[in-house]
Amino acid sequence: LDENGRRSWRQSASTPELTDSFPHDTRGQAAMPAAAVLPEFQGVAVQDHGEASQQFEQCAHAFCHAHHLRERPRAIDQEQAAWAEEMKTLLLAITAHVHQAKATGHVALTPGRIVQFQTPSREIVDQA
């Protein structure tokens, strides 16, 4: 809630070093441009599945694994989607490899490791 007791949403954008947090009355299409970060951003925006973030075409988009994992129970409960359990297993394996890489001083998975995850990922998405 803001200082007047009204609901306020926080728009945020982060890098490993910085975070920008911007209050807005909505969390939709109007809030992101008002925050004035993504309209100028030209890198890869890792985000939730909300449509508001996807309106910016000058940057690439990637979805957050945590959000994928949160969506999985809905896919299983509402759609009886067997693929969702396979995707959970794969996402958790990818996350474990990322943590292992970071622990050994790397900033990214090797190209070979990424390729190893692409085929099963595409197969699961095709199944979905």
N, C-alpha and C. Protein backbone atom coordinates (compact mmCIF):
# COMPACT_ATOMS: atom_id res chain seq x y z
N LEU A 1 0.84 -1.18 0.00
CA LEU A 1 0.00 0.00 0.00
C LEU A 1 0.88 1.24 0.00
N ASP A 2 0.42 2.27 -0.70
CA ASP A 2 1.20 3.50 -0.71
C ASP A 2 0.86 4.33 0.53
N GLU A 3 1.42 5.53 0.61
CA GLU A 3 1.24 6.37 1.79
C GLU A 3 -0.21 6.81 1.99
N ASN A 4 -1.05 6.70 0.96
CA ASN A 4 -2.47 7.06 1.06
C ASN A 4 -3.36 5.85 1.28
N GLY A 5 -2.77 4.68 1.51
CA GLY A 5 -3.54 3.47 1.74
C GLY A 5 -4.04 2.78 0.49
N ARG A 6 -3.62 3.25 -0.69
CA ARG A 6 -4.03 2.62 -1.96
C ARG A 6 -3.03 1.53 -2.32
N ARG A 7 -3.56 0.53 -3.03
CA ARG A 7 -2.68 -0.54 -3.51
C ARG A 7 -1.71 0.05 -4.53
N SER A 8 -0.46 -0.34 -4.40
CA SER A 8 0.57 0.10 -5.32
C SER A 8 1.41 -1.11 -5.70
N TRP A 9 1.75 -1.21 -6.95
CA TRP A 9 2.58 -2.31 -7.44
C TRP A 9 4.00 -1.82 -7.60
N ARG A 10 4.95 -2.68 -7.42
CA ARG A 10 6.37 -2.35 -7.61
C ARG A 10 6.85 -2.97 -8.90
N GLN A 11 7.34 -2.13 -9.79
CA GLN A 11 8.02 -2.60 -10.99
C GLN A 11 9.50 -2.61 -10.64
N SER A 12 10.20 -3.66 -10.99
CA SER A 12 11.62 -3.69 -10.68
C SER A 12 12.41 -4.23 -11.85
N ALA A 13 13.62 -3.78 -11.95
CA ALA A 13 14.57 -4.26 -12.94
C ALA A 13 15.91 -4.37 -12.24
N SER A 14 16.61 -5.48 -12.46
CA SER A 14 17.85 -5.71 -11.74
C SER A 14 18.96 -6.21 -12.65
N THR A 15 20.16 -5.86 -12.29
CA THR A 15 21.37 -6.46 -12.84
C THR A 15 22.06 -7.10 -11.63
N PRO A 16 23.16 -7.81 -11.82
CA PRO A 16 23.85 -8.34 -10.64
C PRO A 16 24.30 -7.24 -9.66
N GLU A 17 24.49 -6.02 -10.15
CA GLU A 17 24.99 -4.94 -9.30
C GLU A 17 23.93 -3.94 -8.85
N LEU A 18 22.86 -3.77 -9.62
CA LEU A 18 21.89 -2.70 -9.36
C LEU A 18 20.46 -3.21 -9.42
N THR A 19 19.58 -2.54 -8.66
CA THR A 19 18.14 -2.80 -8.75
C THR A 19 17.42 -1.47 -8.78
N ASP A 20 16.48 -1.34 -9.72
CA ASP A 20 15.61 -0.17 -9.80
C ASP A 20 14.21 -0.63 -9.40
N SER A 21 13.59 0.06 -8.47
CA SER A 21 12.25 -0.29 -8.02
C SER A 21 11.37 0.95 -8.17
N PHE A 22 10.22 0.78 -8.81
CA PHE A 22 9.37 1.91 -9.17
C PHE A 22 7.92 1.60 -8.78
N PRO A 23 7.29 2.42 -7.92
CA PRO A 23 5.89 2.18 -7.57
C PRO A 23 4.96 2.68 -8.68
N HIS A 24 3.86 1.96 -8.88
CA HIS A 24 2.88 2.38 -9.88
C HIS A 24 1.51 1.86 -9.46
N ASP A 25 0.45 2.56 -9.89
CA ASP A 25 -0.91 2.16 -9.54
C ASP A 25 -1.33 0.85 -10.19
N THR A 26 -0.69 0.49 -11.29
CA THR A 26 -1.04 -0.75 -11.98
C THR A 26 0.20 -1.60 -12.15
N ARG A 27 -0.01 -2.84 -12.55
CA ARG A 27 1.13 -3.69 -12.86
C ARG A 27 1.12 -4.07 -14.33
N GLY A 28 0.30 -3.42 -15.11
CA GLY A 28 0.11 -3.79 -16.50
C GLY A 28 0.88 -2.97 -17.51
N GLN A 29 0.27 -2.79 -18.67
CA GLN A 29 0.92 -2.16 -19.82
C GLN A 29 1.44 -0.75 -19.55
N ALA A 30 0.78 0.01 -18.72
CA ALA A 30 1.20 1.40 -18.46
C ALA A 30 2.37 1.50 -17.49
N ALA A 31 2.50 0.54 -16.59
CA ALA A 31 3.50 0.64 -15.53
C ALA A 31 4.93 0.52 -16.03
N MET A 32 5.19 -0.41 -16.92
CA MET A 32 6.57 -0.64 -17.38
C MET A 32 7.15 0.58 -18.11
N PRO A 33 6.42 1.18 -19.05
CA PRO A 33 6.99 2.39 -19.67
C PRO A 33 7.18 3.52 -18.67
N ALA A 34 6.28 3.63 -17.70
CA ALA A 34 6.42 4.68 -16.69
C ALA A 34 7.67 4.49 -15.85
N ALA A 35 8.07 3.24 -15.63
CA ALA A 35 9.29 2.97 -14.86
C ALA A 35 10.54 3.38 -15.63
N ALA A 36 10.43 3.48 -16.96
CA ALA A 36 11.48 4.00 -17.83
C ALA A 36 12.78 3.20 -17.83
N VAL A 37 12.69 1.89 -17.62
CA VAL A 37 13.88 1.05 -17.71
C VAL A 37 13.81 0.22 -18.99
N LEU A 38 12.80 -0.62 -19.12
CA LEU A 38 12.72 -1.52 -20.26
C LEU A 38 12.54 -0.82 -21.62
N PRO A 39 11.91 0.35 -21.70
CA PRO A 39 11.81 0.97 -23.02
C PRO A 39 13.17 1.25 -23.69
N GLU A 40 14.22 1.40 -22.89
CA GLU A 40 15.55 1.68 -23.42
C GLU A 40 16.48 0.47 -23.38
N PHE A 41 16.09 -0.58 -22.70
CA PHE A 41 16.95 -1.73 -22.49
C PHE A 41 17.12 -2.52 -23.78
N GLN A 42 18.35 -2.95 -24.08
CA GLN A 42 18.62 -3.67 -25.31
C GLN A 42 19.29 -5.03 -25.09
N GLY A 43 19.35 -5.50 -23.87
CA GLY A 43 19.95 -6.80 -23.57
C GLY A 43 18.90 -7.90 -23.57
N VAL A 44 19.06 -8.86 -22.65
CA VAL A 44 18.10 -9.95 -22.48
C VAL A 44 17.35 -9.69 -21.19
N ALA A 45 16.04 -9.51 -21.27
CA ALA A 45 15.20 -9.28 -20.10
C ALA A 45 14.66 -10.62 -19.62
N VAL A 46 15.07 -11.04 -18.43
CA VAL A 46 14.56 -12.26 -17.82
C VAL A 46 13.37 -11.84 -16.97
N GLN A 47 12.22 -12.47 -17.20
CA GLN A 47 10.99 -11.96 -16.61
C GLN A 47 10.00 -13.06 -16.29
N ASP A 48 8.88 -12.63 -15.69
CA ASP A 48 7.78 -13.56 -15.45
C ASP A 48 7.02 -13.74 -16.77
N HIS A 49 5.87 -14.34 -16.72
CA HIS A 49 5.12 -14.60 -17.95
C HIS A 49 4.14 -13.49 -18.29
N GLY A 50 4.23 -12.37 -17.60
CA GLY A 50 3.29 -11.27 -17.83
C GLY A 50 3.46 -10.63 -19.19
N GLU A 51 2.34 -10.24 -19.77
CA GLU A 51 2.35 -9.61 -21.09
C GLU A 51 3.00 -8.23 -21.08
N ALA A 52 2.93 -7.54 -19.95
CA ALA A 52 3.45 -6.17 -19.89
C ALA A 52 4.92 -6.10 -20.26
N SER A 53 5.71 -7.05 -19.81
CA SER A 53 7.15 -7.05 -20.11
C SER A 53 7.44 -7.35 -21.57
N GLN A 54 6.55 -8.07 -22.20
CA GLN A 54 6.80 -8.54 -23.56
C GLN A 54 6.50 -7.50 -24.63
N GLN A 55 6.01 -6.33 -24.25
CA GLN A 55 5.68 -5.30 -25.22
C GLN A 55 6.92 -4.62 -25.80
N PHE A 56 8.07 -4.83 -25.22
CA PHE A 56 9.29 -4.16 -25.65
C PHE A 56 10.03 -5.03 -26.66
N GLU A 57 10.11 -4.57 -27.88
CA GLU A 57 10.67 -5.36 -28.97
C GLU A 57 12.16 -5.10 -29.22
N GLN A 58 12.74 -4.10 -28.56
CA GLN A 58 14.14 -3.77 -28.80
C GLN A 58 15.08 -4.67 -27.99
N CYS A 59 14.53 -5.50 -27.09
CA CYS A 59 15.37 -6.39 -26.30
C CYS A 59 14.90 -7.83 -26.50
N ALA A 60 15.77 -8.75 -26.15
CA ALA A 60 15.42 -10.17 -26.19
C ALA A 60 14.73 -10.52 -24.87
N HIS A 61 13.93 -11.57 -24.88
CA HIS A 61 13.19 -11.96 -23.69
C HIS A 61 13.49 -13.41 -23.33
N ALA A 62 13.63 -13.67 -22.05
CA ALA A 62 13.79 -15.02 -21.52
C ALA A 62 12.91 -15.12 -20.29
N PHE A 63 12.35 -16.28 -20.06
CA PHE A 63 11.48 -16.45 -18.90
C PHE A 63 12.25 -17.06 -17.74
N CYS A 64 11.94 -16.61 -16.56
CA CYS A 64 12.57 -17.03 -15.32
C CYS A 64 12.18 -18.47 -14.99
N HIS A 65 13.16 -19.31 -14.65
CA HIS A 65 12.88 -20.70 -14.28
C HIS A 65 11.96 -20.78 -13.07
N ALA A 66 12.12 -19.89 -12.12
CA ALA A 66 11.25 -19.93 -10.93
C ALA A 66 9.79 -19.74 -11.34
N HIS A 67 9.55 -18.88 -12.31
CA HIS A 67 8.17 -18.69 -12.78
C HIS A 67 7.68 -19.91 -13.55
N HIS A 68 8.55 -20.52 -14.33
CA HIS A 68 8.17 -21.77 -15.00
C HIS A 68 7.76 -22.81 -13.97
N LEU A 69 8.55 -22.94 -12.91
CA LEU A 69 8.25 -23.93 -11.88
C LEU A 69 6.94 -23.62 -11.16
N ARG A 70 6.64 -22.33 -10.96
CA ARG A 70 5.38 -21.96 -10.31
C ARG A 70 4.17 -22.25 -11.19
N GLU A 71 4.35 -22.19 -12.50
CA GLU A 71 3.25 -22.46 -13.43
C GLU A 71 2.98 -23.95 -13.57
N ARG A 72 3.94 -24.78 -13.26
CA ARG A 72 3.83 -26.22 -13.45
C ARG A 72 2.64 -26.85 -12.72
N PRO A 73 2.41 -26.56 -11.43
CA PRO A 73 1.25 -27.19 -10.78
C PRO A 73 -0.07 -26.85 -11.47
N ARG A 74 -0.20 -25.64 -11.98
CA ARG A 74 -1.42 -25.27 -12.69
C ARG A 74 -1.57 -26.14 -13.93
N ALA A 75 -0.49 -26.35 -14.66
CA ALA A 75 -0.55 -27.18 -15.87
C ALA A 75 -0.95 -28.61 -15.54
N ILE A 76 -0.46 -29.12 -14.43
CA ILE A 76 -0.81 -30.48 -14.03
C ILE A 76 -2.27 -30.54 -13.55
N ASP A 77 -2.64 -29.60 -12.67
CA ASP A 77 -3.99 -29.62 -12.08
C ASP A 77 -5.09 -29.33 -13.11
N GLN A 78 -4.87 -28.33 -13.95
CA GLN A 78 -5.92 -27.91 -14.87
C GLN A 78 -5.90 -28.64 -16.20
N GLU A 79 -4.74 -29.10 -16.60
CA GLU A 79 -4.62 -29.70 -17.93
C GLU A 79 -4.14 -31.14 -17.91
N GLN A 80 -3.90 -31.70 -16.72
CA GLN A 80 -3.37 -33.06 -16.59
C GLN A 80 -2.16 -33.23 -17.52
N ALA A 81 -1.25 -32.29 -17.49
CA ALA A 81 -0.11 -32.23 -18.40
C ALA A 81 1.08 -33.01 -17.85
N ALA A 82 1.30 -34.21 -18.38
CA ALA A 82 2.41 -35.05 -17.94
C ALA A 82 3.76 -34.39 -18.24
N TRP A 83 3.82 -33.62 -19.32
CA TRP A 83 5.07 -32.97 -19.70
C TRP A 83 5.57 -32.02 -18.62
N ALA A 84 4.65 -31.48 -17.81
CA ALA A 84 5.05 -30.48 -16.81
C ALA A 84 5.98 -31.08 -15.76
N GLU A 85 5.77 -32.34 -15.41
CA GLU A 85 6.67 -32.99 -14.44
C GLU A 85 8.05 -33.20 -15.07
N GLU A 86 8.09 -33.57 -16.35
CA GLU A 86 9.37 -33.72 -17.04
C GLU A 86 10.11 -32.38 -17.10
N MET A 87 9.37 -31.30 -17.36
CA MET A 87 10.00 -29.98 -17.43
C MET A 87 10.54 -29.57 -16.06
N LYS A 88 9.81 -29.88 -15.00
CA LYS A 88 10.29 -29.57 -13.65
C LYS A 88 11.62 -30.25 -13.41
N THR A 89 11.71 -31.54 -13.73
CA THR A 89 12.95 -32.30 -13.52
C THR A 89 14.09 -31.67 -14.31
N LEU A 90 13.83 -31.31 -15.56
CA LEU A 90 14.87 -30.70 -16.40
C LEU A 90 15.29 -29.33 -15.85
N LEU A 91 14.33 -28.50 -15.47
CA LEU A 91 14.66 -27.17 -14.94
C LEU A 91 15.48 -27.27 -13.66
N LEU A 92 15.13 -28.21 -12.81
CA LEU A 92 15.91 -28.38 -11.58
C LEU A 92 17.32 -28.89 -11.88
N ALA A 93 17.47 -29.73 -12.91
CA ALA A 93 18.81 -30.19 -13.31
C ALA A 93 19.63 -29.02 -13.86
N ILE A 94 19.00 -28.20 -14.67
CA ILE A 94 19.71 -27.03 -15.22
C ILE A 94 20.14 -26.11 -14.07
N THR A 95 19.24 -25.88 -13.14
CA THR A 95 19.55 -25.01 -12.00
C THR A 95 20.72 -25.56 -11.20
N ALA A 96 20.75 -26.86 -10.99
CA ALA A 96 21.87 -27.48 -10.26
C ALA A 96 23.18 -27.26 -10.99
N HIS A 97 23.17 -27.39 -12.31
CA HIS A 97 24.39 -27.17 -13.10
C HIS A 97 24.82 -25.71 -13.05
N VAL A 98 23.87 -24.80 -13.06
CA VAL A 98 24.21 -23.37 -12.95
C VAL A 98 24.85 -23.08 -11.60
N HIS A 99 24.27 -23.61 -10.53
CA HIS A 99 24.84 -23.40 -9.19
C HIS A 99 26.25 -23.99 -9.10
N GLN A 100 26.43 -25.16 -9.69
CA GLN A 100 27.75 -25.79 -9.69
C GLN A 100 28.75 -24.93 -10.47
N ALA A 101 28.34 -24.42 -11.62
CA ALA A 101 29.23 -23.56 -12.42
C ALA A 101 29.61 -22.31 -11.64
N LYS A 102 28.63 -21.67 -10.99
CA LYS A 102 28.91 -20.46 -10.21
C LYS A 102 29.86 -20.77 -9.06
N ALA A 103 29.67 -21.92 -8.42
CA ALA A 103 30.52 -22.29 -7.27
C ALA A 103 31.97 -22.49 -7.67
N THR A 104 32.19 -22.80 -8.95
CA THR A 104 33.56 -23.00 -9.42
C THR A 104 34.08 -21.78 -10.19
N GLY A 105 33.40 -20.64 -10.01
CA GLY A 105 33.89 -19.38 -10.56
C GLY A 105 33.47 -19.07 -11.98
N HIS A 106 32.60 -19.85 -12.57
CA HIS A 106 32.14 -19.57 -13.93
C HIS A 106 30.93 -18.64 -13.91
N VAL A 107 30.73 -17.91 -14.98
CA VAL A 107 29.59 -17.00 -15.08
C VAL A 107 28.51 -17.53 -16.00
N ALA A 108 28.78 -18.66 -16.65
CA ALA A 108 27.80 -19.24 -17.57
C ALA A 108 28.09 -20.73 -17.73
N LEU A 109 27.08 -21.45 -18.19
CA LEU A 109 27.30 -22.84 -18.56
C LEU A 109 28.12 -22.89 -19.84
N THR A 110 28.85 -23.95 -20.04
CA THR A 110 29.61 -24.09 -21.28
C THR A 110 28.64 -24.28 -22.44
N PRO A 111 29.04 -23.88 -23.64
CA PRO A 111 28.17 -24.11 -24.81
C PRO A 111 27.77 -25.58 -24.96
N GLY A 112 28.68 -26.48 -24.67
CA GLY A 112 28.36 -27.91 -24.75
C GLY A 112 27.28 -28.32 -23.77
N ARG A 113 27.33 -27.80 -22.55
CA ARG A 113 26.32 -28.12 -21.55
C ARG A 113 24.96 -27.55 -21.97
N ILE A 114 24.97 -26.35 -22.52
CA ILE A 114 23.72 -25.75 -22.99
C ILE A 114 23.08 -26.61 -24.07
N VAL A 115 23.89 -27.07 -25.01
CA VAL A 115 23.38 -27.93 -26.08
C VAL A 115 22.78 -29.21 -25.50
N GLN A 116 23.40 -29.76 -24.45
CA GLN A 116 22.88 -30.98 -23.82
C GLN A 116 21.47 -30.77 -23.26
N PHE A 117 21.16 -29.56 -22.85
CA PHE A 117 19.83 -29.28 -22.31
C PHE A 117 18.83 -28.87 -23.38
N GLN A 118 19.30 -28.39 -24.52
CA GLN A 118 18.38 -27.90 -25.56
C GLN A 118 17.51 -29.01 -26.14
N THR A 119 18.08 -30.15 -26.44
CA THR A 119 17.30 -31.22 -27.08
C THR A 119 16.18 -31.71 -26.18
N PRO A 120 16.45 -32.09 -24.92
CA PRO A 120 15.32 -32.52 -24.09
C PRO A 120 14.31 -31.40 -23.84
N SER A 121 14.78 -30.18 -23.74
CA SER A 121 13.86 -29.06 -23.54
C SER A 121 12.91 -28.92 -24.73
N ARG A 122 13.46 -28.97 -25.93
CA ARG A 122 12.63 -28.86 -27.12
C ARG A 122 11.65 -30.04 -27.24
N GLU A 123 12.11 -31.24 -26.87
CA GLU A 123 11.24 -32.41 -26.91
C GLU A 123 10.06 -32.25 -25.95
N ILE A 124 10.34 -31.74 -24.75
CA ILE A 124 9.26 -31.52 -23.78
C ILE A 124 8.30 -30.46 -24.27
N VAL A 125 8.82 -29.37 -24.82
CA VAL A 125 7.95 -28.31 -25.34
C VAL A 125 7.10 -28.85 -26.50
N ASP A 126 7.69 -29.65 -27.39
CA ASP A 126 6.92 -30.26 -28.48
C ASP A 126 5.81 -31.15 -27.93
N GLN A 127 6.11 -31.89 -26.88
CA GLN A 127 5.11 -32.75 -26.25
C GLN A 127 3.98 -31.91 -25.67
N ALA A 128 4.34 -30.76 -25.10
CA ALA A 128 3.33 -29.88 -24.48
C ALA A 128 2.38 -29.36 -25.54
